[in-house]
Amino acid sequence: MVVFPTPGHTPGHQSLLVQLDDEAVILGGDMAYSSVKMQQRWIPGVVWCPDRLVESWERVEALQARHGARLILTHELDMDVVDAVPRPEAEKGGTA
């Protein structure tokens, strides 16, 4: 595991590169709302420094290319996983 700085959203924001047995993953936290918006360079409305944010995105993209890493961002949830979590009403036999 390697922790590296990705300032932009906040001055102290950090991300994590994790090398697993079968793949590399970058845990990007809140550095972007989505990988598509990051690739298109859409700057969110609330950031500490837009220029540093773009520099961080470039750093992450370079690491992705170098390690063949998959990027996981906090705001990009796998909806299949979310939908698989039982709702409290369903556990009681109610309807959602």
N, C-alpha and C. Protein backbone atom coordinates (compact mmCIF):
# COMPACT_ATOMS: atom_id res chain seq x y z
N MET A 1 0.84 -1.18 0.00
CA MET A 1 0.00 0.00 0.00
C MET A 1 0.89 1.24 0.00
N VAL A 2 0.45 2.21 -0.78
CA VAL A 2 1.15 3.48 -0.85
C VAL A 2 0.13 4.60 -0.70
N VAL A 3 0.34 5.46 0.28
CA VAL A 3 -0.49 6.65 0.47
C VAL A 3 0.21 7.79 -0.26
N PHE A 4 -0.56 8.54 -1.05
CA PHE A 4 0.05 9.65 -1.78
C PHE A 4 -0.89 10.85 -1.76
N PRO A 5 -0.32 12.07 -1.83
CA PRO A 5 -1.14 13.27 -1.76
C PRO A 5 -1.95 13.49 -3.04
N THR A 6 -3.21 13.87 -2.85
CA THR A 6 -4.08 14.25 -3.96
C THR A 6 -4.87 15.50 -3.56
N PRO A 7 -4.15 16.60 -3.28
CA PRO A 7 -4.84 17.82 -2.86
C PRO A 7 -5.70 18.39 -3.98
N GLY A 8 -6.64 19.19 -3.60
CA GLY A 8 -7.53 19.83 -4.56
C GLY A 8 -8.90 19.99 -3.93
N HIS A 9 -9.52 18.85 -3.60
CA HIS A 9 -10.80 18.90 -2.89
C HIS A 9 -10.57 19.58 -1.55
N THR A 10 -9.54 19.14 -0.86
CA THR A 10 -9.06 19.77 0.37
C THR A 10 -7.54 19.81 0.29
N PRO A 11 -6.88 20.67 1.08
CA PRO A 11 -5.42 20.75 1.00
C PRO A 11 -4.72 19.47 1.44
N GLY A 12 -5.30 18.72 2.33
CA GLY A 12 -4.64 17.53 2.86
C GLY A 12 -5.18 16.22 2.31
N HIS A 13 -5.97 16.25 1.25
CA HIS A 13 -6.57 15.03 0.73
C HIS A 13 -5.49 14.05 0.29
N GLN A 14 -5.70 12.77 0.59
CA GLN A 14 -4.77 11.71 0.21
C GLN A 14 -5.54 10.56 -0.42
N SER A 15 -4.84 9.82 -1.25
CA SER A 15 -5.40 8.62 -1.86
C SER A 15 -4.48 7.45 -1.57
N LEU A 16 -4.92 6.26 -1.94
CA LEU A 16 -4.19 5.05 -1.59
C LEU A 16 -4.08 4.15 -2.80
N LEU A 17 -2.87 3.70 -3.10
CA LEU A 17 -2.63 2.69 -4.13
C LEU A 17 -2.42 1.36 -3.42
N VAL A 18 -3.26 0.39 -3.75
CA VAL A 18 -3.18 -0.93 -3.11
C VAL A 18 -2.88 -1.96 -4.18
N GLN A 19 -1.79 -2.71 -4.00
CA GLN A 19 -1.45 -3.79 -4.92
C GLN A 19 -1.95 -5.10 -4.32
N LEU A 20 -3.01 -5.65 -4.91
CA LEU A 20 -3.56 -6.93 -4.48
C LEU A 20 -2.89 -8.04 -5.26
N ASP A 21 -3.19 -9.28 -4.95
CA ASP A 21 -2.59 -10.40 -5.65
C ASP A 21 -2.88 -10.37 -7.15
N ASP A 22 -4.11 -10.00 -7.50
CA ASP A 22 -4.52 -10.08 -8.90
C ASP A 22 -4.79 -8.74 -9.57
N GLU A 23 -4.70 -7.63 -8.85
CA GLU A 23 -4.92 -6.31 -9.45
C GLU A 23 -4.41 -5.22 -8.54
N ALA A 24 -4.27 -4.04 -9.15
CA ALA A 24 -3.95 -2.83 -8.39
C ALA A 24 -5.20 -1.97 -8.34
N VAL A 25 -5.41 -1.32 -7.20
CA VAL A 25 -6.58 -0.48 -7.01
C VAL A 25 -6.11 0.85 -6.41
N ILE A 26 -6.69 1.93 -6.91
CA ILE A 26 -6.46 3.24 -6.32
C ILE A 26 -7.76 3.65 -5.63
N LEU A 27 -7.67 3.88 -4.34
CA LEU A 27 -8.81 4.37 -3.56
C LEU A 27 -8.68 5.89 -3.52
N GLY A 28 -9.52 6.56 -4.33
CA GLY A 28 -9.38 7.99 -4.52
C GLY A 28 -10.20 8.86 -3.59
N GLY A 29 -11.00 8.24 -2.75
CA GLY A 29 -11.79 9.03 -1.80
C GLY A 29 -12.66 10.07 -2.47
N ASP A 30 -12.54 11.31 -2.05
CA ASP A 30 -13.36 12.41 -2.55
C ASP A 30 -12.63 13.28 -3.58
N MET A 31 -11.63 12.73 -4.26
CA MET A 31 -10.89 13.55 -5.21
C MET A 31 -11.67 13.88 -6.46
N ALA A 32 -12.78 13.18 -6.70
CA ALA A 32 -13.68 13.46 -7.82
C ALA A 32 -15.03 12.84 -7.50
N TYR A 33 -16.09 13.40 -8.11
CA TYR A 33 -17.41 12.82 -7.92
C TYR A 33 -17.57 11.56 -8.75
N SER A 34 -16.96 11.52 -9.92
CA SER A 34 -17.01 10.33 -10.77
C SER A 34 -15.80 10.31 -11.67
N SER A 35 -15.42 9.12 -12.12
CA SER A 35 -14.26 9.01 -13.00
C SER A 35 -14.55 9.67 -14.35
N VAL A 36 -15.80 9.65 -14.80
CA VAL A 36 -16.16 10.30 -16.07
C VAL A 36 -15.96 11.81 -15.94
N LYS A 37 -16.45 12.39 -14.85
CA LYS A 37 -16.27 13.83 -14.65
C LYS A 37 -14.80 14.18 -14.50
N MET A 38 -14.03 13.31 -13.87
CA MET A 38 -12.60 13.53 -13.74
C MET A 38 -11.94 13.52 -15.11
N GLN A 39 -12.24 12.53 -15.94
CA GLN A 39 -11.66 12.43 -17.28
C GLN A 39 -12.03 13.63 -18.14
N GLN A 40 -13.24 14.15 -17.95
CA GLN A 40 -13.69 15.30 -18.73
C GLN A 40 -13.28 16.63 -18.10
N ARG A 41 -12.59 16.55 -16.95
CA ARG A 41 -12.08 17.72 -16.23
C ARG A 41 -13.19 18.67 -15.78
N TRP A 42 -14.30 18.08 -15.31
CA TRP A 42 -15.38 18.87 -14.73
C TRP A 42 -15.01 19.14 -13.28
N ILE A 43 -14.77 20.39 -12.96
CA ILE A 43 -14.38 20.77 -11.60
C ILE A 43 -15.65 20.90 -10.75
N PRO A 44 -15.71 20.21 -9.60
CA PRO A 44 -16.88 20.36 -8.72
C PRO A 44 -16.98 21.78 -8.18
N GLY A 45 -18.16 22.12 -7.68
CA GLY A 45 -18.40 23.46 -7.16
C GLY A 45 -17.66 23.78 -5.88
N VAL A 46 -17.35 22.76 -5.10
CA VAL A 46 -16.69 22.99 -3.81
C VAL A 46 -15.31 22.32 -3.84
N VAL A 47 -14.29 23.13 -4.03
CA VAL A 47 -12.91 22.63 -4.01
C VAL A 47 -12.02 23.65 -3.33
N TRP A 48 -10.94 23.17 -2.78
CA TRP A 48 -9.96 24.05 -2.17
C TRP A 48 -9.14 24.76 -3.25
N CYS A 49 -8.68 24.00 -4.27
CA CYS A 49 -7.84 24.59 -5.32
C CYS A 49 -8.04 23.82 -6.63
N PRO A 50 -8.72 24.40 -7.59
CA PRO A 50 -8.96 23.70 -8.86
C PRO A 50 -7.68 23.26 -9.57
N ASP A 51 -6.64 24.09 -9.56
CA ASP A 51 -5.40 23.73 -10.24
C ASP A 51 -4.74 22.51 -9.60
N ARG A 52 -4.72 22.48 -8.29
CA ARG A 52 -4.12 21.33 -7.58
C ARG A 52 -4.96 20.08 -7.79
N LEU A 53 -6.29 20.25 -7.92
CA LEU A 53 -7.16 19.12 -8.17
C LEU A 53 -6.83 18.48 -9.51
N VAL A 54 -6.68 19.28 -10.55
CA VAL A 54 -6.34 18.74 -11.87
C VAL A 54 -4.97 18.07 -11.84
N GLU A 55 -4.01 18.65 -11.13
CA GLU A 55 -2.69 18.02 -10.97
C GLU A 55 -2.83 16.64 -10.30
N SER A 56 -3.70 16.56 -9.30
CA SER A 56 -3.92 15.29 -8.62
C SER A 56 -4.55 14.27 -9.55
N TRP A 57 -5.51 14.72 -10.36
CA TRP A 57 -6.14 13.81 -11.33
C TRP A 57 -5.09 13.28 -12.30
N GLU A 58 -4.19 14.16 -12.75
CA GLU A 58 -3.13 13.73 -13.67
C GLU A 58 -2.21 12.72 -13.01
N ARG A 59 -1.90 12.93 -11.74
CA ARG A 59 -1.05 11.99 -10.99
C ARG A 59 -1.73 10.62 -10.89
N VAL A 60 -3.02 10.63 -10.60
CA VAL A 60 -3.76 9.37 -10.48
C VAL A 60 -3.83 8.66 -11.83
N GLU A 61 -4.08 9.40 -12.89
CA GLU A 61 -4.14 8.79 -14.23
C GLU A 61 -2.80 8.17 -14.61
N ALA A 62 -1.71 8.83 -14.25
CA ALA A 62 -0.37 8.26 -14.51
C ALA A 62 -0.16 6.97 -13.73
N LEU A 63 -0.59 6.96 -12.47
CA LEU A 63 -0.47 5.74 -11.66
C LEU A 63 -1.36 4.63 -12.20
N GLN A 64 -2.56 4.99 -12.66
CA GLN A 64 -3.44 3.99 -13.26
C GLN A 64 -2.77 3.35 -14.46
N ALA A 65 -2.18 4.17 -15.32
CA ALA A 65 -1.52 3.65 -16.52
C ALA A 65 -0.30 2.79 -16.15
N ARG A 66 0.49 3.25 -15.21
CA ARG A 66 1.71 2.53 -14.83
C ARG A 66 1.41 1.18 -14.20
N HIS A 67 0.36 1.11 -13.37
CA HIS A 67 0.06 -0.10 -12.62
C HIS A 67 -1.14 -0.87 -13.15
N GLY A 68 -1.78 -0.35 -14.20
CA GLY A 68 -3.01 -0.98 -14.69
C GLY A 68 -4.07 -1.00 -13.60
N ALA A 69 -4.13 0.07 -12.82
CA ALA A 69 -4.96 0.11 -11.62
C ALA A 69 -6.40 0.52 -11.93
N ARG A 70 -7.29 -0.04 -11.15
CA ARG A 70 -8.70 0.35 -11.18
C ARG A 70 -8.89 1.46 -10.16
N LEU A 71 -9.65 2.50 -10.54
CA LEU A 71 -9.91 3.63 -9.64
C LEU A 71 -11.26 3.46 -8.98
N ILE A 72 -11.27 3.60 -7.66
CA ILE A 72 -12.52 3.55 -6.89
C ILE A 72 -12.66 4.89 -6.17
N LEU A 73 -13.78 5.57 -6.45
CA LEU A 73 -14.06 6.85 -5.82
C LEU A 73 -15.23 6.71 -4.86
N THR A 74 -15.22 7.50 -3.80
CA THR A 74 -16.26 7.43 -2.77
C THR A 74 -17.66 7.59 -3.34
N HIS A 75 -17.82 8.50 -4.28
CA HIS A 75 -19.16 8.83 -4.78
C HIS A 75 -19.63 7.92 -5.91
N GLU A 76 -18.77 7.04 -6.40
CA GLU A 76 -19.17 6.10 -7.44
C GLU A 76 -19.48 4.75 -6.79
N LEU A 77 -20.73 4.55 -6.46
CA LEU A 77 -21.12 3.31 -5.81
C LEU A 77 -21.60 2.31 -6.84
N ASP A 78 -21.32 1.05 -6.60
CA ASP A 78 -21.85 -0.02 -7.44
C ASP A 78 -23.29 -0.25 -7.01
N MET A 79 -24.22 0.19 -7.83
CA MET A 79 -25.63 0.16 -7.44
C MET A 79 -26.15 -1.27 -7.24
N ASP A 80 -25.54 -2.26 -7.88
CA ASP A 80 -25.95 -3.64 -7.65
C ASP A 80 -25.69 -4.04 -6.20
N VAL A 81 -24.57 -3.56 -5.64
CA VAL A 81 -24.26 -3.86 -4.25
C VAL A 81 -25.23 -3.14 -3.34
N VAL A 82 -25.51 -1.87 -3.62
CA VAL A 82 -26.43 -1.09 -2.80
C VAL A 82 -27.81 -1.73 -2.82
N ASP A 83 -28.28 -2.14 -4.01
CA ASP A 83 -29.60 -2.74 -4.12
C ASP A 83 -29.68 -4.10 -3.43
N ALA A 84 -28.54 -4.75 -3.23
CA ALA A 84 -28.55 -6.07 -2.61
C ALA A 84 -28.68 -6.00 -1.09
N VAL A 85 -28.51 -4.81 -0.51
CA VAL A 85 -28.63 -4.66 0.94
C VAL A 85 -30.11 -4.64 1.30
N PRO A 86 -30.56 -5.54 2.17
CA PRO A 86 -31.98 -5.58 2.50
C PRO A 86 -32.43 -4.30 3.20
N ARG A 87 -33.59 -3.83 2.83
CA ARG A 87 -34.18 -2.68 3.49
C ARG A 87 -34.85 -3.16 4.78
N PRO A 88 -34.91 -2.31 5.80
CA PRO A 88 -35.54 -2.71 7.06
C PRO A 88 -36.98 -3.23 6.87
N GLU A 89 -37.73 -2.60 5.96
CA GLU A 89 -39.13 -3.04 5.74
C GLU A 89 -39.15 -4.45 5.18
N ALA A 90 -38.20 -4.78 4.31
CA ALA A 90 -38.17 -6.11 3.69
C ALA A 90 -37.85 -7.18 4.72
N GLU A 91 -37.00 -6.83 5.68
CA GLU A 91 -36.65 -7.80 6.73
C GLU A 91 -37.85 -8.12 7.61
N LYS A 92 -38.77 -7.17 7.75
CA LYS A 92 -39.97 -7.37 8.60
C LYS A 92 -41.12 -7.93 7.79
N GLY A 93 -40.89 -8.17 6.48
CA GLY A 93 -41.97 -8.70 5.66
C GLY A 93 -42.83 -7.64 5.04
N GLY A 94 -42.47 -6.36 5.19
CA GLY A 94 -43.24 -5.27 4.59
C GLY A 94 -42.82 -5.03 3.16
N THR A 95 -43.39 -4.02 2.57
CA THR A 95 -43.03 -3.67 1.21
C THR A 95 -42.23 -2.38 1.20
N ALA A 96 -41.43 -2.24 0.18
CA ALA A 96 -40.59 -1.04 0.07
C ALA A 96 -41.26 0.00 -0.77
